[in-house]
N, C-alpha and C. Protein backbone atom coordinates (compact mmCIF):
# COMPACT_ATOMS: atom_id res chain seq x y z
N MET A 1 80.09 83.59 182.01
CA MET A 1 80.21 84.47 180.80
C MET A 1 80.49 85.45 181.05
N LYS A 2 81.33 86.29 180.36
CA LYS A 2 81.74 87.56 180.59
C LYS A 2 81.03 88.37 180.23
N PRO A 3 80.78 89.46 181.34
CA PRO A 3 79.92 90.88 180.64
C PRO A 3 80.58 91.65 179.22
N ASP A 4 79.67 92.14 179.00
CA ASP A 4 79.44 92.63 177.79
C ASP A 4 80.94 93.82 177.80
N ASN A 5 81.27 94.42 178.81
CA ASN A 5 82.03 95.51 179.02
C ASN A 5 83.49 94.94 179.51
N GLN A 6 83.41 93.88 179.53
CA GLN A 6 85.01 93.21 179.40
C GLN A 6 85.45 93.01 178.49
N THR A 7 85.01 92.92 177.30
CA THR A 7 85.64 92.67 175.98
C THR A 7 85.78 94.08 175.44
N ASN A 8 85.74 94.92 176.06
CA ASN A 8 86.34 96.16 175.51
C ASN A 8 87.93 96.31 176.16
N PHE A 9 88.32 95.89 177.18
CA PHE A 9 89.45 95.59 178.02
C PHE A 9 90.47 95.18 177.20
N ALA A 10 90.57 94.03 176.81
CA ALA A 10 91.05 93.30 175.66
C ALA A 10 91.20 93.97 174.66
N SER A 11 90.97 94.71 173.65
CA SER A 11 90.59 95.92 172.81
C SER A 11 91.84 96.42 173.32
N SER A 12 91.33 97.41 173.92
CA SER A 12 92.63 98.28 174.28
C SER A 12 93.94 98.00 175.06
N ALA A 13 94.39 96.73 174.68
CA ALA A 13 95.61 96.52 174.98
C ALA A 13 96.92 96.95 174.41
N LYS A 14 97.69 97.77 174.77
CA LYS A 14 98.68 97.92 174.11
C LYS A 14 99.51 96.60 173.85
N ILE A 15 100.15 96.57 172.78
CA ILE A 15 101.11 96.07 172.04
C ILE A 15 102.33 96.32 172.76
N PRO A 16 103.10 95.83 173.47
CA PRO A 16 104.65 95.71 174.25
C PRO A 16 105.33 95.99 172.85
N THR A 17 106.27 96.91 173.10
CA THR A 17 107.02 96.72 171.84
C THR A 17 108.27 96.46 172.10
N SER A 18 109.54 95.95 170.95
CA SER A 18 110.54 95.07 171.75
C SER A 18 111.60 95.60 172.69
N ASN A 19 111.36 97.00 172.86
CA ASN A 19 112.35 97.58 173.67
C ASN A 19 111.56 97.82 175.22
N GLU A 20 110.20 97.24 175.57
CA GLU A 20 109.50 97.23 176.59
C GLU A 20 109.62 96.35 177.30
N GLN A 21 109.86 96.15 178.63
CA GLN A 21 110.13 95.32 179.57
C GLN A 21 109.02 94.29 179.39
N THR A 22 109.67 92.73 179.28
CA THR A 22 107.69 91.97 179.53
C THR A 22 108.46 91.66 180.50
N PHE A 23 107.16 90.44 180.84
CA PHE A 23 107.50 89.46 182.05
C PHE A 23 106.56 87.93 181.62
N SER A 24 107.00 86.94 182.19
CA SER A 24 106.23 85.57 181.99
C SER A 24 105.38 85.53 182.99
N ILE A 25 104.60 85.01 183.00
CA ILE A 25 103.40 84.69 184.19
C ILE A 25 104.17 83.55 185.22
N SER A 26 104.93 82.94 185.14
CA SER A 26 105.43 82.77 186.64
C SER A 26 106.68 83.72 187.35
N GLU A 27 106.84 85.32 186.38
CA GLU A 27 107.66 85.72 187.24
C GLU A 27 106.41 86.74 187.72
N LEU A 28 105.45 87.03 187.35
CA LEU A 28 104.71 87.86 188.23
C LEU A 28 104.17 87.07 189.33
N ALA A 29 103.41 85.37 188.83
CA ALA A 29 102.85 85.12 190.30
C ALA A 29 104.01 85.25 191.67
N LYS A 30 105.58 85.31 190.81
CA LYS A 30 106.78 84.66 191.96
C LYS A 30 106.34 85.91 192.61
N GLU A 31 107.01 87.34 191.49
CA GLU A 31 106.29 88.58 192.51
C GLU A 31 105.43 89.01 192.90
N PHE A 32 104.43 88.79 192.66
CA PHE A 32 103.10 89.04 193.63
C PHE A 32 102.78 87.41 194.71
N ASP A 33 103.53 86.94 194.92
CA ASP A 33 102.90 85.78 195.84
C ASP A 33 101.42 85.00 194.79
N ILE A 34 101.44 84.98 193.85
CA ILE A 34 100.13 84.58 193.90
C ILE A 34 99.80 83.56 192.87
N THR A 35 99.07 82.77 192.48
CA THR A 35 99.40 81.74 191.81
C THR A 35 99.51 82.07 190.13
N THR A 36 99.85 81.27 189.19
CA THR A 36 99.40 81.57 187.87
C THR A 36 98.27 81.21 187.86
N ARG A 37 97.63 80.41 188.23
CA ARG A 37 96.05 80.27 187.99
C ARG A 37 95.23 81.24 187.76
N SER A 38 95.84 82.33 189.20
CA SER A 38 94.99 83.51 189.72
C SER A 38 95.20 84.45 188.45
N ILE A 39 96.92 84.62 188.18
CA ILE A 39 96.60 85.45 186.93
C ILE A 39 95.55 85.17 185.85
N ARG A 40 95.57 83.77 185.10
CA ARG A 40 94.76 83.52 184.14
C ARG A 40 93.26 83.81 184.44
N PHE A 41 92.95 83.80 185.52
CA PHE A 41 91.90 84.05 185.85
C PHE A 41 91.43 85.63 185.67
N TYR A 42 92.19 86.40 186.01
CA TYR A 42 92.24 87.69 185.99
C TYR A 42 92.08 88.02 185.03
N GLU A 43 93.16 87.22 183.37
CA GLU A 43 93.24 87.53 182.26
C GLU A 43 91.72 86.91 181.82
N ASP A 44 91.26 85.96 181.89
CA ASP A 44 89.64 85.69 181.79
C ASP A 44 88.62 86.62 182.37
N GLN A 45 88.79 87.21 183.08
CA GLN A 45 87.93 88.70 183.42
C GLN A 45 88.00 89.51 182.69
N GLY A 46 89.21 89.69 181.53
CA GLY A 46 89.62 90.71 180.67
C GLY A 46 89.96 92.09 181.57
N LEU A 47 90.51 91.58 182.94
CA LEU A 47 91.11 92.41 183.50
C LEU A 47 92.99 93.15 183.06
N ILE A 48 93.69 91.82 182.93
CA ILE A 48 94.56 92.07 182.01
C ILE A 48 94.93 91.16 180.38
N THR A 49 95.42 91.43 179.72
CA THR A 49 95.59 91.24 178.64
C THR A 49 97.06 91.32 177.82
N PRO A 50 97.27 90.29 178.32
CA PRO A 50 98.86 89.54 178.00
C PRO A 50 98.98 89.44 176.13
N GLU A 51 100.02 89.65 175.33
CA GLU A 51 100.31 89.38 174.16
C GLU A 51 100.18 87.87 174.13
N ARG A 52 100.25 86.96 173.15
CA ARG A 52 100.94 86.02 173.17
C ARG A 52 101.98 85.62 172.05
N ASN A 53 102.63 84.44 172.37
CA ASN A 53 103.96 84.13 171.40
C ASN A 53 103.20 82.69 171.24
N GLY A 54 102.47 81.97 170.20
CA GLY A 54 102.39 80.71 170.70
C GLY A 54 101.20 80.48 172.18
N GLN A 55 101.50 79.62 172.46
CA GLN A 55 101.16 79.21 174.01
C GLN A 55 101.66 80.17 174.91
N THR A 56 102.63 80.97 174.74
CA THR A 56 103.33 81.35 176.09
C THR A 56 102.56 83.13 175.69
N ARG A 57 102.42 83.71 177.30
CA ARG A 57 102.09 85.21 177.64
C ARG A 57 102.90 85.85 178.12
N ILE A 58 102.94 86.62 176.98
CA ILE A 58 103.93 87.97 177.55
C ILE A 58 103.17 89.05 178.47
N TYR A 59 103.89 89.14 179.10
CA TYR A 59 102.78 90.11 180.26
C TYR A 59 103.65 91.61 179.99
N SER A 60 102.85 92.62 178.96
CA SER A 60 103.71 93.87 179.43
C SER A 60 104.03 94.48 180.85
N LYS A 61 104.76 95.57 180.95
CA LYS A 61 104.46 96.64 182.26
C LYS A 61 102.77 97.10 182.45
N ARG A 62 102.60 97.63 181.47
CA ARG A 62 100.68 98.08 181.95
C ARG A 62 100.39 96.45 182.28
N ASP A 63 100.36 95.45 181.99
CA ASP A 63 99.43 94.10 182.57
C ASP A 63 100.00 93.84 184.20
N LYS A 64 101.52 94.39 184.59
CA LYS A 64 102.17 94.33 185.80
C LYS A 64 101.24 95.11 186.34
N VAL A 65 101.16 96.42 186.28
CA VAL A 65 100.61 97.60 187.06
C VAL A 65 99.34 97.00 187.52
N ARG A 66 98.45 96.77 186.31
CA ARG A 66 97.28 96.28 186.56
C ARG A 66 96.77 95.07 187.74
N LEU A 67 97.82 94.12 187.59
CA LEU A 67 97.63 93.28 188.38
C LEU A 67 98.21 93.53 189.67
N LYS A 68 98.88 94.65 190.13
CA LYS A 68 99.41 95.14 191.19
C LYS A 68 97.84 95.76 191.73
N LEU A 69 97.41 96.90 191.11
CA LEU A 69 96.15 97.26 191.44
C LEU A 69 94.77 96.33 191.25
N ILE A 70 95.01 95.73 190.85
CA ILE A 70 94.06 94.21 191.01
C ILE A 70 93.89 93.65 192.72
N LEU A 71 95.03 93.36 193.00
CA LEU A 71 95.72 92.84 194.09
C LEU A 71 95.07 93.77 195.16
N ARG A 72 95.63 95.13 194.92
CA ARG A 72 95.38 96.35 196.34
C ARG A 72 93.76 96.47 196.08
N GLY A 73 93.40 96.25 194.96
CA GLY A 73 91.80 96.44 195.31
C GLY A 73 91.59 95.45 195.90
N LYS A 74 91.68 94.39 195.87
CA LYS A 74 91.12 93.22 196.69
C LYS A 74 91.40 93.29 198.30
N ARG A 75 92.54 93.48 198.61
CA ARG A 75 93.00 93.93 199.84
C ARG A 75 91.97 95.22 200.34
N LEU A 76 91.62 95.75 199.89
CA LEU A 76 90.96 97.01 200.17
C LEU A 76 89.40 96.85 200.29
N GLY A 77 89.13 95.63 199.54
CA GLY A 77 87.59 94.89 199.47
C GLY A 77 86.80 95.77 198.11
N PHE A 78 87.84 95.74 197.54
CA PHE A 78 86.88 95.74 196.05
C PHE A 78 86.55 94.74 195.38
N THR A 79 85.34 94.83 194.44
CA THR A 79 85.54 93.44 193.75
C THR A 79 86.21 93.53 192.50
N LEU A 80 86.26 92.46 191.79
CA LEU A 80 86.79 92.64 190.26
C LEU A 80 85.96 93.23 189.32
N ALA A 81 84.91 93.14 189.60
CA ALA A 81 83.95 94.26 188.37
C ALA A 81 84.10 95.63 189.36
N GLU A 82 84.44 96.12 189.90
CA GLU A 82 84.49 97.30 190.41
C GLU A 82 85.97 97.65 190.02
N THR A 83 86.77 96.72 190.06
CA THR A 83 88.61 97.47 190.06
C THR A 83 88.62 97.55 188.26
N GLY A 84 87.72 96.50 187.54
CA GLY A 84 87.46 96.60 185.98
C GLY A 84 86.80 97.83 185.45
N ARG A 85 85.55 97.94 185.91
CA ARG A 85 84.81 99.59 186.06
C ARG A 85 85.94 100.42 185.70
N LEU A 86 86.83 100.56 187.21
CA LEU A 86 87.98 101.59 187.47
C LEU A 86 88.71 101.55 185.61
N PHE A 87 89.21 100.27 186.09
CA PHE A 87 90.06 100.23 184.38
C PHE A 87 89.62 100.28 182.80
N GLU A 88 88.09 100.38 182.92
CA GLU A 88 87.44 100.55 181.88
C GLU A 88 87.02 102.40 182.07
N LEU A 89 87.56 102.97 183.01
CA LEU A 89 86.96 104.59 182.79
C LEU A 89 88.51 105.06 182.61
N TYR A 90 89.73 104.47 182.87
CA TYR A 90 90.81 104.94 182.76
C TYR A 90 90.97 104.94 181.37
N ASP A 91 90.76 103.68 180.76
CA ASP A 91 90.99 103.44 179.27
C ASP A 91 90.50 104.51 178.39
N ALA A 92 89.15 104.89 178.76
CA ALA A 92 88.53 106.05 178.36
C ALA A 92 88.58 107.69 178.21
N ASP A 93 89.47 107.86 179.16
CA ASP A 93 89.64 109.11 179.79
C ASP A 93 91.01 109.10 180.63
N LYS A 94 92.09 109.07 180.10
CA LYS A 94 92.90 109.31 180.76
C LYS A 94 93.63 110.37 181.22
N SER A 95 92.00 111.49 181.33
CA SER A 95 92.56 112.64 182.52
C SER A 95 92.04 112.16 183.61
N SER A 96 91.59 111.10 183.93
CA SER A 96 91.10 110.53 185.34
C SER A 96 90.04 111.47 186.17
N ALA A 97 89.87 112.69 186.12
CA ALA A 97 88.69 113.06 186.73
C ALA A 97 87.51 112.23 187.06
N LYS A 98 86.93 111.58 185.73
CA LYS A 98 86.05 111.01 186.30
C LYS A 98 86.32 109.70 186.75
N GLN A 99 87.33 108.89 186.36
CA GLN A 99 87.77 107.72 187.40
C GLN A 99 88.22 107.97 188.86
N LEU A 100 88.32 109.26 189.21
CA LEU A 100 88.88 109.53 190.76
C LEU A 100 87.44 110.31 191.20
N VAL A 101 86.39 110.08 190.34
CA VAL A 101 85.07 110.51 190.94
C VAL A 101 84.63 109.00 191.10
N THR A 102 84.57 108.32 190.46
CA THR A 102 84.47 106.93 191.19
C THR A 102 84.55 106.38 192.30
N MET A 103 86.30 106.26 191.33
CA MET A 103 86.72 106.09 193.22
C MET A 103 86.47 106.46 194.32
N LEU A 104 86.18 107.76 194.86
CA LEU A 104 85.61 108.13 195.42
C LEU A 104 84.34 107.81 196.16
N ASP A 105 83.53 107.78 194.97
CA ASP A 105 81.85 107.06 195.42
C ASP A 105 82.31 105.60 196.12
N LEU A 106 83.09 104.63 195.22
CA LEU A 106 83.65 103.14 195.60
C LEU A 106 84.22 103.30 196.95
N ILE A 107 85.13 104.02 197.38
CA ILE A 107 85.39 104.83 198.84
C ILE A 107 84.47 104.75 199.88
N SER A 108 83.61 105.62 199.69
CA SER A 108 82.66 106.11 200.82
C SER A 108 81.76 105.05 200.32
N GLU A 109 81.07 103.94 199.94
CA GLU A 109 80.62 102.48 199.69
C GLU A 109 81.20 101.84 200.94
N LYS A 110 82.49 101.65 200.60
CA LYS A 110 83.49 100.21 201.05
C LYS A 110 83.23 100.72 202.64
N LYS A 111 83.64 102.27 203.07
CA LYS A 111 83.56 102.67 204.27
C LYS A 111 82.36 102.38 204.96
N ALA A 112 81.40 103.07 204.32
CA ALA A 112 79.77 102.50 205.27
C ALA A 112 79.70 100.97 205.22
N ASP A 113 80.10 100.05 204.24
CA ASP A 113 79.91 98.72 204.45
C ASP A 113 81.18 98.49 206.13
N LEU A 114 82.25 98.73 205.72
CA LEU A 114 82.83 98.48 207.19
C LEU A 114 82.46 98.48 208.32
N SER A 115 81.89 99.98 208.49
CA SER A 115 81.21 100.79 209.38
C SER A 115 79.99 99.49 210.10
N GLN A 116 79.50 99.08 208.60
CA GLN A 116 78.33 97.98 209.36
C GLN A 116 78.52 97.08 209.43
N GLN A 117 79.83 96.68 208.77
CA GLN A 117 80.25 95.15 209.76
C GLN A 117 80.97 95.64 210.79
N MET A 118 81.51 96.44 211.40
CA MET A 118 81.99 96.78 212.82
C MET A 118 80.80 97.03 213.98
N ASP A 119 79.99 97.28 213.14
CA ASP A 119 78.88 97.61 214.10
C ASP A 119 78.34 96.27 214.75
N ASP A 120 78.15 95.17 213.49
CA ASP A 120 77.67 93.96 213.59
C ASP A 120 78.60 93.23 214.47
N ILE A 121 79.82 93.22 214.66
CA ILE A 121 80.55 92.32 214.75
C ILE A 121 80.56 92.43 216.57
N LYS A 122 80.88 94.05 216.73
CA LYS A 122 80.28 94.62 217.98
C LYS A 122 79.34 93.77 218.64
N VAL A 123 78.06 94.22 218.13
CA VAL A 123 77.16 93.01 218.74
C VAL A 123 77.19 91.41 218.67
N VAL A 124 77.99 90.99 217.77
CA VAL A 124 78.05 89.69 217.97
C VAL A 124 79.35 89.16 219.49
N LEU A 125 79.65 89.98 219.46
CA LEU A 125 81.01 89.81 220.26
C LEU A 125 80.08 90.02 221.89
N MET A 126 79.14 91.21 221.68
CA MET A 126 78.44 91.57 223.05
C MET A 126 77.30 89.87 223.62
N GLU A 127 76.70 89.46 222.60
CA GLU A 127 76.68 88.36 222.81
C GLU A 127 77.42 87.14 223.21
N LEU A 128 78.59 87.02 222.44
CA LEU A 128 79.10 85.88 222.73
C LEU A 128 79.65 86.45 224.55
N VAL A 129 80.01 87.57 225.02
CA VAL A 129 80.65 87.68 226.48
C VAL A 129 79.44 87.21 227.03
N THR A 130 77.88 87.58 226.63
CA THR A 130 76.77 87.33 227.66
C THR A 130 77.02 85.92 227.46
N ALA A 131 76.84 84.95 226.38
CA ALA A 131 76.67 83.46 226.66
C ALA A 131 77.68 82.45 227.60
N GLU A 132 79.17 83.71 227.12
CA GLU A 132 80.54 82.69 228.38
C GLU A 132 79.79 83.52 229.68
N ARG A 133 79.48 84.02 229.68
CA ARG A 133 79.45 84.68 231.63
C ARG A 133 77.99 83.39 231.93
N ARG A 134 77.16 83.41 231.04
CA ARG A 134 76.02 82.41 231.30
C ARG A 134 76.79 80.78 231.36
N CYS A 135 77.33 80.85 230.51
CA CYS A 135 78.12 79.28 230.93
C CYS A 135 79.09 79.12 231.69
N ARG A 136 79.67 80.33 232.36
CA ARG A 136 80.39 80.14 233.34
C ARG A 136 80.01 79.76 234.57
N ASP A 137 78.31 80.94 234.91
CA ASP A 137 77.99 81.17 236.01
C ASP A 137 77.12 79.74 236.10
N THR A 138 76.83 79.01 235.00
CA THR A 138 76.30 77.65 235.09
C THR A 138 77.03 76.16 235.43
N LEU A 139 78.28 76.73 235.01
CA LEU A 139 79.30 75.80 235.52
C LEU A 139 79.63 75.59 236.89
N ASN A 140 79.91 77.15 237.52
CA ASN A 140 80.02 77.41 238.54
C ASN A 140 78.82 76.65 240.05
N LYS A 141 78.16 76.77 239.35
CA LYS A 141 76.60 76.00 240.00
C LYS A 141 76.61 74.80 240.44
N ILE A 142 77.80 74.02 238.82
CA ILE A 142 77.22 73.25 239.26
C ILE A 142 78.33 72.25 240.21
N ASP A 143 79.31 72.92 240.18
CA ASP A 143 80.78 72.76 240.48
C ASP A 143 80.88 72.73 241.99
N GLU A 144 79.71 73.54 242.43
CA GLU A 144 79.33 73.62 244.31
C GLU A 144 78.79 72.75 244.71
């Protein structure tokens, strides 16, 4: 079930004009090297809002930009909910000051998370080195 705030994304969709460039789902999938199923999932989450001509989805430049931002956000570790929150802020306030402050907060949170993960990885690596050394020492004693 979709959170209530996601229904707002659909209502803010811009209808492409006849001279605006549009894209098919397969064109976007090929360009971004993702599956059409992924694109439909982002649509189900309310992050992109293509127009429809019967059963055919028609994606606007806005949808394409949002898809690019979704994928970039994923690479940076942002959840789809966080990305959706940024889209919602942008839709509400095109001046983007509030969006930038929120983005800075999210970046700070991600940096803290990554720093903690790095510390955790270092501890695990030290434990693995110790376990490896003990195994080699034991193996050497067996071979003697």
